[in-house]
N, C-alpha and C. Protein backbone atom coordinates (compact mmCIF):
# COMPACT_ATOMS: atom_id res chain seq x y z
N MET A 1 116.94 58.03 54.77
CA MET A 1 117.94 57.03 55.02
C MET A 1 118.18 56.20 53.77
N ALA A 2 117.12 55.87 53.08
CA ALA A 2 117.26 55.05 51.87
C ALA A 2 118.02 55.80 50.78
N VAL A 3 117.75 57.09 50.64
CA VAL A 3 118.45 57.89 49.63
C VAL A 3 119.93 57.98 49.97
N ALA A 4 120.24 58.21 51.25
CA ALA A 4 121.64 58.28 51.67
C ALA A 4 122.36 56.96 51.42
N LEU A 5 121.71 55.84 51.76
CA LEU A 5 122.32 54.53 51.54
C LEU A 5 122.51 54.25 50.05
N ALA A 6 121.53 54.59 49.25
CA ALA A 6 121.64 54.37 47.80
C ALA A 6 122.77 55.21 47.21
N PHE A 7 122.85 56.47 47.61
CA PHE A 7 123.90 57.35 47.10
C PHE A 7 125.28 56.86 47.54
N MET A 8 125.38 56.38 48.79
CA MET A 8 126.64 55.81 49.28
C MET A 8 127.05 54.61 48.44
N CYS A 9 126.13 53.72 48.19
CA CYS A 9 126.44 52.52 47.40
C CYS A 9 126.89 52.89 45.99
N ILE A 10 126.20 53.82 45.38
CA ILE A 10 126.56 54.25 44.02
C ILE A 10 127.95 54.86 44.02
N LEU A 11 128.24 55.74 44.99
CA LEU A 11 129.55 56.37 45.06
C LEU A 11 130.67 55.36 45.27
N VAL A 12 130.50 54.48 46.23
CA VAL A 12 131.56 53.52 46.55
C VAL A 12 131.74 52.53 45.39
N PHE A 13 130.65 51.99 44.88
CA PHE A 13 130.75 51.04 43.77
C PHE A 13 131.36 51.71 42.54
N GLY A 14 130.89 52.90 42.23
CA GLY A 14 131.43 53.63 41.08
C GLY A 14 132.91 53.93 41.23
N ASN A 15 133.32 54.28 42.43
CA ASN A 15 134.73 54.57 42.68
C ASN A 15 135.58 53.32 42.55
N VAL A 16 135.08 52.17 43.03
CA VAL A 16 135.82 50.91 42.90
C VAL A 16 135.98 50.55 41.43
N VAL A 17 134.91 50.66 40.66
CA VAL A 17 134.97 50.35 39.23
C VAL A 17 135.95 51.28 38.53
N LEU A 18 135.88 52.56 38.85
CA LEU A 18 136.79 53.52 38.20
C LEU A 18 138.25 53.26 38.56
N ARG A 19 138.51 52.90 39.83
CA ARG A 19 139.90 52.68 40.25
C ARG A 19 140.48 51.42 39.63
N TYR A 20 139.73 50.32 39.66
CA TYR A 20 140.28 49.07 39.16
C TYR A 20 140.13 48.91 37.65
N GLY A 21 139.11 49.51 37.10
CA GLY A 21 138.88 49.36 35.67
C GLY A 21 139.55 50.42 34.82
N PHE A 22 139.63 51.65 35.33
CA PHE A 22 140.11 52.75 34.51
C PHE A 22 141.28 53.50 35.14
N ASN A 23 141.75 53.00 36.28
CA ASN A 23 142.90 53.59 36.98
C ASN A 23 142.68 55.08 37.30
N SER A 24 141.44 55.42 37.64
CA SER A 24 141.12 56.78 38.09
C SER A 24 140.06 56.64 39.17
N GLY A 25 139.55 57.72 39.65
CA GLY A 25 138.53 57.65 40.68
C GLY A 25 137.89 58.99 40.93
N ILE A 26 136.87 58.99 41.75
CA ILE A 26 136.19 60.21 42.15
C ILE A 26 136.85 60.67 43.45
N THR A 27 137.48 61.81 43.43
CA THR A 27 138.28 62.24 44.59
C THR A 27 137.44 62.47 45.84
N TRP A 28 136.23 62.89 45.69
CA TRP A 28 135.42 63.25 46.85
C TRP A 28 134.47 62.15 47.30
N SER A 29 134.47 60.99 46.63
CA SER A 29 133.48 59.96 46.94
C SER A 29 133.67 59.35 48.33
N GLU A 30 134.91 59.12 48.76
CA GLU A 30 135.13 58.54 50.08
C GLU A 30 134.65 59.47 51.19
N GLU A 31 134.98 60.74 51.06
CA GLU A 31 134.56 61.71 52.08
C GLU A 31 133.04 61.87 52.10
N MET A 32 132.44 61.94 50.94
CA MET A 32 130.99 62.10 50.87
C MET A 32 130.28 60.86 51.41
N SER A 33 130.83 59.69 51.13
CA SER A 33 130.25 58.44 51.67
C SER A 33 130.33 58.44 53.19
N ARG A 34 131.43 58.92 53.73
CA ARG A 34 131.58 59.00 55.19
C ARG A 34 130.54 59.96 55.77
N PHE A 35 130.36 61.11 55.15
CA PHE A 35 129.37 62.08 55.63
C PHE A 35 127.96 61.49 55.57
N LEU A 36 127.65 60.82 54.48
CA LEU A 36 126.33 60.21 54.34
C LEU A 36 126.12 59.11 55.37
N PHE A 37 127.18 58.36 55.67
CA PHE A 37 127.08 57.30 56.67
C PHE A 37 126.80 57.89 58.05
N ILE A 38 127.41 59.01 58.36
CA ILE A 38 127.15 59.67 59.64
C ILE A 38 125.68 60.09 59.73
N TRP A 39 125.19 60.73 58.69
CA TRP A 39 123.78 61.15 58.70
C TRP A 39 122.84 59.95 58.75
N LEU A 40 123.17 58.90 58.01
CA LEU A 40 122.36 57.69 58.00
C LEU A 40 122.29 57.08 59.39
N SER A 41 123.41 57.01 60.07
CA SER A 41 123.45 56.43 61.42
C SER A 41 122.60 57.23 62.40
N PHE A 42 122.71 58.54 62.33
CA PHE A 42 121.95 59.36 63.27
C PHE A 42 120.45 59.34 62.97
N PHE A 43 120.08 59.33 61.70
CA PHE A 43 118.66 59.20 61.38
C PHE A 43 118.13 57.83 61.82
N GLY A 44 118.96 56.80 61.68
CA GLY A 44 118.60 55.48 62.16
C GLY A 44 118.38 55.45 63.67
N ALA A 45 119.19 56.22 64.40
CA ALA A 45 119.03 56.28 65.86
C ALA A 45 117.69 56.91 66.23
N ILE A 46 117.29 57.93 65.49
CA ILE A 46 115.99 58.55 65.75
C ILE A 46 114.87 57.56 65.46
N GLY A 47 114.96 56.85 64.34
CA GLY A 47 113.95 55.86 63.98
C GLY A 47 113.89 54.71 64.99
N ALA A 48 115.05 54.28 65.46
CA ALA A 48 115.08 53.20 66.45
C ALA A 48 114.44 53.64 67.76
N LEU A 49 114.66 54.88 68.16
CA LEU A 49 114.02 55.38 69.38
C LEU A 49 112.51 55.45 69.19
N LYS A 50 112.08 55.89 68.04
CA LYS A 50 110.64 55.99 67.76
C LYS A 50 109.97 54.62 67.82
N ASP A 51 110.67 53.60 67.32
CA ASP A 51 110.10 52.25 67.29
C ASP A 51 110.48 51.41 68.50
N ASN A 52 111.15 52.01 69.47
CA ASN A 52 111.56 51.33 70.71
C ASN A 52 112.48 50.14 70.40
N ASN A 53 113.45 50.35 69.53
CA ASN A 53 114.35 49.28 69.12
C ASN A 53 115.77 49.42 69.66
N HIS A 54 116.01 50.41 70.51
CA HIS A 54 117.34 50.51 71.12
C HIS A 54 117.49 49.43 72.17
N LEU A 55 118.74 49.07 72.43
CA LEU A 55 119.00 48.06 73.45
C LEU A 55 118.55 48.57 74.82
N GLY A 56 118.05 47.68 75.62
CA GLY A 56 117.62 48.04 76.95
C GLY A 56 117.59 46.82 77.86
N VAL A 57 117.65 47.09 79.13
CA VAL A 57 117.56 46.02 80.13
C VAL A 57 116.27 46.26 80.89
N ASP A 58 115.37 45.29 80.84
CA ASP A 58 114.06 45.49 81.46
C ASP A 58 113.71 44.43 82.49
N ILE A 59 114.72 43.80 83.08
CA ILE A 59 114.47 42.75 84.08
C ILE A 59 113.69 43.32 85.26
N LEU A 60 114.15 44.44 85.79
CA LEU A 60 113.47 45.07 86.92
C LEU A 60 112.11 45.63 86.50
N LEU A 61 112.09 46.25 85.34
CA LEU A 61 110.87 46.90 84.87
C LEU A 61 109.71 45.92 84.71
N LYS A 62 110.00 44.70 84.26
CA LYS A 62 108.94 43.70 84.07
C LYS A 62 108.29 43.30 85.39
N LYS A 63 109.02 43.39 86.47
CA LYS A 63 108.51 42.95 87.77
C LYS A 63 107.76 44.04 88.53
N LEU A 64 107.78 45.26 88.02
CA LEU A 64 107.12 46.37 88.71
C LEU A 64 105.63 46.42 88.38
N PRO A 65 104.83 46.95 89.32
CA PRO A 65 103.41 47.19 89.00
C PRO A 65 103.29 48.34 88.00
N PRO A 66 102.14 48.46 87.34
CA PRO A 66 101.98 49.45 86.27
C PRO A 66 102.31 50.89 86.70
N ARG A 67 101.89 51.30 87.87
CA ARG A 67 102.15 52.68 88.31
C ARG A 67 103.66 52.91 88.51
N ALA A 68 104.35 51.94 89.08
CA ALA A 68 105.80 52.06 89.26
C ALA A 68 106.52 52.05 87.92
N LYS A 69 106.02 51.25 86.96
CA LYS A 69 106.59 51.26 85.61
C LYS A 69 106.50 52.65 85.01
N GLN A 70 105.36 53.26 85.21
CA GLN A 70 105.13 54.60 84.67
C GLN A 70 106.12 55.60 85.26
N VAL A 71 106.32 55.54 86.58
CA VAL A 71 107.23 56.47 87.24
C VAL A 71 108.66 56.25 86.76
N VAL A 72 109.10 54.99 86.72
CA VAL A 72 110.45 54.68 86.27
C VAL A 72 110.65 55.10 84.82
N PHE A 73 109.65 54.87 83.99
CA PHE A 73 109.72 55.25 82.58
C PHE A 73 109.87 56.76 82.43
N ILE A 74 109.10 57.52 83.18
CA ILE A 74 109.16 58.98 83.09
C ILE A 74 110.52 59.48 83.59
N ILE A 75 111.02 58.92 84.68
CA ILE A 75 112.33 59.33 85.19
C ILE A 75 113.43 59.01 84.18
N SER A 76 113.40 57.83 83.61
CA SER A 76 114.44 57.47 82.64
C SER A 76 114.37 58.35 81.40
N ASN A 77 113.17 58.70 80.97
CA ASN A 77 113.04 59.58 79.81
C ASN A 77 113.42 61.02 80.13
N ALA A 78 113.24 61.43 81.38
CA ALA A 78 113.72 62.75 81.79
C ALA A 78 115.25 62.79 81.74
N ILE A 79 115.90 61.70 82.14
CA ILE A 79 117.36 61.61 82.04
C ILE A 79 117.79 61.66 80.58
N ILE A 80 117.05 60.95 79.72
CA ILE A 80 117.35 60.98 78.28
C ILE A 80 117.23 62.41 77.75
N LEU A 81 116.19 63.13 78.18
CA LEU A 81 116.04 64.52 77.73
C LEU A 81 117.22 65.38 78.18
N TYR A 82 117.71 65.16 79.38
CA TYR A 82 118.86 65.92 79.87
C TYR A 82 120.10 65.62 79.02
N VAL A 83 120.33 64.35 78.72
CA VAL A 83 121.48 63.98 77.88
C VAL A 83 121.33 64.57 76.48
N LEU A 84 120.12 64.57 75.96
CA LEU A 84 119.88 65.17 74.65
C LEU A 84 120.11 66.68 74.68
N TYR A 85 119.78 67.31 75.80
CA TYR A 85 120.08 68.74 75.95
C TYR A 85 121.59 68.97 75.91
N LEU A 86 122.35 68.12 76.61
CA LEU A 86 123.81 68.24 76.60
C LEU A 86 124.36 68.05 75.18
N LEU A 87 123.81 67.08 74.46
CA LEU A 87 124.21 66.85 73.07
C LEU A 87 123.87 68.06 72.20
N LEU A 88 122.70 68.62 72.39
CA LEU A 88 122.29 69.80 71.62
C LEU A 88 123.21 70.98 71.91
N ASP A 89 123.51 71.21 73.18
CA ASP A 89 124.36 72.32 73.57
C ASP A 89 125.76 72.16 72.97
N GLY A 90 126.35 70.98 73.12
CA GLY A 90 127.68 70.74 72.57
C GLY A 90 127.71 70.81 71.06
N SER A 91 126.70 70.25 70.42
CA SER A 91 126.64 70.28 68.96
C SER A 91 126.46 71.70 68.44
N TRP A 92 125.66 72.48 69.14
CA TRP A 92 125.46 73.87 68.74
C TRP A 92 126.77 74.64 68.78
N LYS A 93 127.52 74.46 69.87
CA LYS A 93 128.80 75.17 70.02
C LYS A 93 129.81 74.76 68.96
N ILE A 94 129.94 73.45 68.73
CA ILE A 94 130.93 73.01 67.74
C ILE A 94 130.48 73.33 66.32
N THR A 95 129.18 73.33 66.07
CA THR A 95 128.68 73.70 64.75
C THR A 95 129.00 75.15 64.45
N LEU A 96 128.75 76.01 65.42
CA LEU A 96 129.06 77.44 65.23
C LEU A 96 130.56 77.67 65.04
N SER A 97 131.38 76.95 65.79
CA SER A 97 132.83 77.16 65.67
C SER A 97 133.41 76.57 64.39
N SER A 98 132.69 75.69 63.73
CA SER A 98 133.22 75.04 62.53
C SER A 98 132.60 75.56 61.24
N ILE A 99 131.85 76.63 61.31
CA ILE A 99 131.20 77.15 60.10
C ILE A 99 132.24 77.54 59.06
N GLY A 100 133.36 78.10 59.49
CA GLY A 100 134.40 78.52 58.54
C GLY A 100 135.26 77.38 58.04
N SER A 101 135.26 76.24 58.71
CA SER A 101 136.08 75.10 58.28
C SER A 101 135.40 74.36 57.15
N ARG A 102 136.22 73.87 56.23
CA ARG A 102 135.68 73.13 55.09
C ARG A 102 136.34 71.77 55.00
N ALA A 103 135.59 70.80 54.54
CA ALA A 103 136.13 69.46 54.31
C ALA A 103 137.12 69.51 53.15
N SER A 104 138.13 68.69 53.22
CA SER A 104 139.22 68.80 52.25
C SER A 104 138.82 68.41 50.82
N ALA A 105 138.08 67.35 50.65
CA ALA A 105 137.77 66.87 49.29
C ALA A 105 136.50 67.47 48.72
N THR A 106 135.44 67.54 49.54
CA THR A 106 134.15 68.02 49.02
C THR A 106 134.01 69.54 49.11
N GLY A 107 134.70 70.14 50.05
CA GLY A 107 134.56 71.58 50.25
C GLY A 107 133.32 71.95 51.04
N LEU A 108 132.61 70.94 51.54
CA LEU A 108 131.42 71.22 52.36
C LEU A 108 131.85 71.80 53.71
N PRO A 109 131.03 72.68 54.27
CA PRO A 109 131.36 73.18 55.61
C PRO A 109 131.30 72.04 56.62
N MET A 110 132.22 72.01 57.55
CA MET A 110 132.24 70.98 58.58
C MET A 110 131.01 71.09 59.48
N ALA A 111 130.36 72.25 59.45
CA ALA A 111 129.11 72.42 60.20
C ALA A 111 128.05 71.45 59.69
N PHE A 112 128.19 71.02 58.43
CA PHE A 112 127.27 70.03 57.86
C PHE A 112 127.37 68.71 58.63
N ILE A 113 128.55 68.36 59.08
CA ILE A 113 128.74 67.13 59.84
C ILE A 113 128.37 67.32 61.30
N TYR A 114 128.86 68.38 61.89
CA TYR A 114 128.57 68.61 63.30
C TYR A 114 127.11 68.94 63.55
N GLY A 115 126.41 69.37 62.50
CA GLY A 115 124.98 69.65 62.61
C GLY A 115 124.14 68.40 62.82
N THR A 116 124.72 67.22 62.60
CA THR A 116 123.97 66.00 62.84
C THR A 116 123.57 65.89 64.31
N GLY A 117 124.43 66.39 65.19
CA GLY A 117 124.10 66.38 66.62
C GLY A 117 122.88 67.23 66.92
N LEU A 118 122.75 68.34 66.21
CA LEU A 118 121.56 69.20 66.39
C LEU A 118 120.30 68.47 65.94
N VAL A 119 120.38 67.87 64.77
CA VAL A 119 119.22 67.18 64.22
C VAL A 119 118.80 66.01 65.10
N VAL A 120 119.79 65.20 65.52
CA VAL A 120 119.45 64.01 66.30
C VAL A 120 118.94 64.39 67.68
N SER A 121 119.51 65.42 68.30
CA SER A 121 119.03 65.79 69.64
C SER A 121 117.62 66.36 69.58
N ILE A 122 117.33 67.15 68.58
CA ILE A 122 115.98 67.70 68.45
C ILE A 122 114.99 66.59 68.08
N GLY A 123 115.36 65.74 67.12
CA GLY A 123 114.48 64.65 66.71
C GLY A 123 114.20 63.68 67.84
N MET A 124 115.24 63.25 68.54
CA MET A 124 115.05 62.32 69.65
C MET A 124 114.33 63.01 70.81
N GLY A 125 114.56 64.30 70.99
CA GLY A 125 113.85 65.04 72.04
C GLY A 125 112.35 65.05 71.79
N ILE A 126 111.97 65.26 70.55
CA ILE A 126 110.54 65.26 70.20
C ILE A 126 109.93 63.88 70.46
N VAL A 127 110.63 62.83 70.04
CA VAL A 127 110.14 61.47 70.26
C VAL A 127 110.03 61.18 71.76
N THR A 128 111.04 61.58 72.53
CA THR A 128 111.04 61.33 73.97
C THR A 128 109.91 62.10 74.66
N LEU A 129 109.70 63.35 74.27
CA LEU A 129 108.59 64.12 74.84
C LEU A 129 107.24 63.46 74.51
N PHE A 130 107.11 62.94 73.31
CA PHE A 130 105.89 62.24 72.93
C PHE A 130 105.70 60.99 73.78
N HIS A 131 106.79 60.26 74.04
CA HIS A 131 106.69 59.08 74.89
C HIS A 131 106.29 59.44 76.32
N ILE A 132 106.85 60.52 76.83
CA ILE A 132 106.48 60.98 78.18
C ILE A 132 105.01 61.37 78.21
N TYR A 133 104.56 62.08 77.18
CA TYR A 133 103.16 62.48 77.09
C TYR A 133 102.26 61.24 77.10
N GLN A 134 102.63 60.23 76.31
CA GLN A 134 101.83 59.00 76.28
C GLN A 134 101.82 58.32 77.64
N ALA A 135 102.95 58.29 78.31
CA ALA A 135 103.03 57.64 79.62
C ALA A 135 102.18 58.37 80.66
N LEU A 136 102.11 59.69 80.55
CA LEU A 136 101.33 60.47 81.52
C LEU A 136 99.83 60.41 81.26
N PHE A 137 99.44 60.50 80.00
CA PHE A 137 98.03 60.65 79.68
C PHE A 137 97.37 59.41 79.09
N ARG A 138 98.16 58.38 78.83
CA ARG A 138 97.62 57.10 78.37
C ARG A 138 98.30 56.00 79.17
N PRO A 139 97.92 55.82 80.42
CA PRO A 139 98.60 54.83 81.27
C PRO A 139 98.57 53.41 80.71
N GLU A 140 97.59 53.09 79.88
CA GLU A 140 97.53 51.75 79.31
C GLU A 140 98.63 51.53 78.27
N ALA A 141 99.26 52.61 77.81
CA ALA A 141 100.31 52.50 76.80
C ALA A 141 101.67 52.19 77.40
N ILE A 142 101.78 52.14 78.72
CA ILE A 142 103.08 51.97 79.36
C ILE A 142 103.71 50.62 79.01
N ASP A 143 102.90 49.57 78.86
CA ASP A 143 103.46 48.26 78.49
C ASP A 143 104.05 48.29 77.08
N GLU A 144 103.38 48.98 76.18
CA GLU A 144 103.89 49.10 74.82
C GLU A 144 105.16 49.96 74.79
N LEU A 145 105.20 51.02 75.59
CA LEU A 145 106.35 51.91 75.61
C LEU A 145 107.58 51.25 76.23
N THR A 146 107.37 50.32 77.14
CA THR A 146 108.50 49.68 77.82
C THR A 146 108.81 48.29 77.26
N ARG A 147 108.16 47.91 76.20
CA ARG A 147 108.35 46.59 75.59
C ARG A 147 109.74 46.50 74.98
N MET A 148 110.43 45.43 75.31
CA MET A 148 111.73 45.14 74.71
C MET A 148 111.60 43.84 73.93
N LYS A 149 112.31 43.75 72.85
CA LYS A 149 112.33 42.50 72.10
C LYS A 149 113.26 41.56 72.83
N GLU A 150 112.82 40.32 73.01
CA GLU A 150 113.58 39.36 73.80
C GLU A 150 114.87 38.93 73.12
N SER A 151 114.79 38.59 71.86
CA SER A 151 115.97 38.11 71.17
C SER A 151 115.72 38.15 69.67
N GLU A 152 116.74 37.85 68.91
CA GLU A 152 116.59 37.78 67.46
C GLU A 152 115.62 36.68 67.07
N GLU A 153 115.61 35.60 67.85
CA GLU A 153 114.71 34.50 67.54
C GLU A 153 113.25 34.94 67.64
N GLU A 154 112.94 35.76 68.65
CA GLU A 154 111.57 36.25 68.80
C GLU A 154 111.19 37.14 67.63
N ILE A 155 112.10 37.99 67.20
CA ILE A 155 111.83 38.88 66.08
C ILE A 155 111.60 38.06 64.81
N ILE A 156 112.43 37.06 64.61
CA ILE A 156 112.28 36.20 63.42
C ILE A 156 110.97 35.42 63.49
N ALA A 157 110.61 34.94 64.68
CA ALA A 157 109.37 34.18 64.84
C ALA A 157 108.15 35.06 64.53
N VAL A 158 108.16 36.30 65.00
CA VAL A 158 107.05 37.22 64.72
C VAL A 158 106.97 37.50 63.22
N ALA A 159 108.10 37.77 62.60
CA ALA A 159 108.11 38.04 61.16
C ALA A 159 107.64 36.82 60.37
N HIS A 160 108.06 35.63 60.81
CA HIS A 160 107.66 34.41 60.13
C HIS A 160 106.15 34.18 60.27
N SER A 161 105.62 34.41 61.47
CA SER A 161 104.18 34.20 61.66
C SER A 161 103.36 35.19 60.84
N GLU A 162 103.85 36.43 60.73
CA GLU A 162 103.14 37.41 59.91
C GLU A 162 103.21 37.03 58.43
N ALA A 163 104.34 36.51 58.02
CA ALA A 163 104.51 36.13 56.61
C ALA A 163 103.66 34.92 56.24
N THR A 164 103.47 33.99 57.17
CA THR A 164 102.68 32.80 56.87
C THR A 164 101.19 33.06 56.98
N GLU A 165 100.78 34.07 57.73
CA GLU A 165 99.35 34.37 57.86
C GLU A 165 98.79 34.93 56.57
N LEU A 166 99.55 35.77 55.87
CA LEU A 166 99.05 36.41 54.66
C LEU A 166 98.73 35.39 53.56
N PRO A 167 99.62 34.45 53.23
CA PRO A 167 99.27 33.49 52.17
C PRO A 167 98.07 32.62 52.54
N GLN A 168 97.90 32.26 53.81
CA GLN A 168 96.77 31.45 54.23
C GLN A 168 95.46 32.21 54.04
N GLU A 169 95.48 33.51 54.36
CA GLU A 169 94.27 34.31 54.18
C GLU A 169 93.91 34.41 52.69
N ARG A 170 94.92 34.58 51.85
CA ARG A 170 94.66 34.67 50.41
C ARG A 170 94.14 33.35 49.87
N LYS A 171 94.71 32.24 50.36
CA LYS A 171 94.28 30.92 49.91
C LYS A 171 92.83 30.68 50.32
N GLN A 172 92.46 31.10 51.53
CA GLN A 172 91.09 30.91 52.00
C GLN A 172 90.13 31.72 51.14
N ASP A 173 90.52 32.95 50.80
CA ASP A 173 89.67 33.77 49.93
C ASP A 173 89.49 33.12 48.56
N ALA A 174 90.55 32.53 48.03
CA ALA A 174 90.49 31.92 46.70
C ALA A 174 89.63 30.66 46.70
N VAL A 175 89.62 29.91 47.81
CA VAL A 175 88.85 28.66 47.90
C VAL A 175 87.37 28.94 48.05
N GLY A 176 87.03 30.10 48.55
CA GLY A 176 85.60 30.39 48.70
C GLY A 176 85.27 30.97 50.05
N GLY A 177 86.25 31.50 50.70
CA GLY A 177 86.00 32.14 51.99
C GLY A 177 85.29 33.46 51.79
N GLU A 178 85.17 34.23 52.83
CA GLU A 178 84.49 35.52 52.74
C GLU A 178 85.25 36.44 51.81
N ARG A 179 84.50 37.29 51.15
CA ARG A 179 85.11 38.26 50.24
C ARG A 179 84.69 39.63 50.60
């Protein structure tokens, strides 16, 4: 993701400088930036699923006993697997049908773009299967698997508390604390 973002920034910035400064530009930079943005977004979706950062509503889930949480979690993840199967099936079909098509500026096969659906469905499927496995064989992990972040303020508060703990520990070590 970082490489894609860096390459996008270089392409867009370079193209802006070339257009305004030298009255020319890189013909394929806009299209390539768009392709990289698509891949970046889909890889981000996989990472967000892995870290449980997608939006969710957990009002009902919080009120359920642990066993019911586990059942609801497994059912919802089974539905996610079905949707990912549909995405995989559709992406496979459109990827195969677009192998001969090429992008106008870069000349890349359009299958390169439609293949993102294959990658994201397989990647998210693996993460979802791992979550189901954890829910089935590690019942104590269900609270962690169903944890939702309350708000941006909570996220900022956690980050702030982690940031302030580190300097205090270092200061204590420097004053003569345990080493």
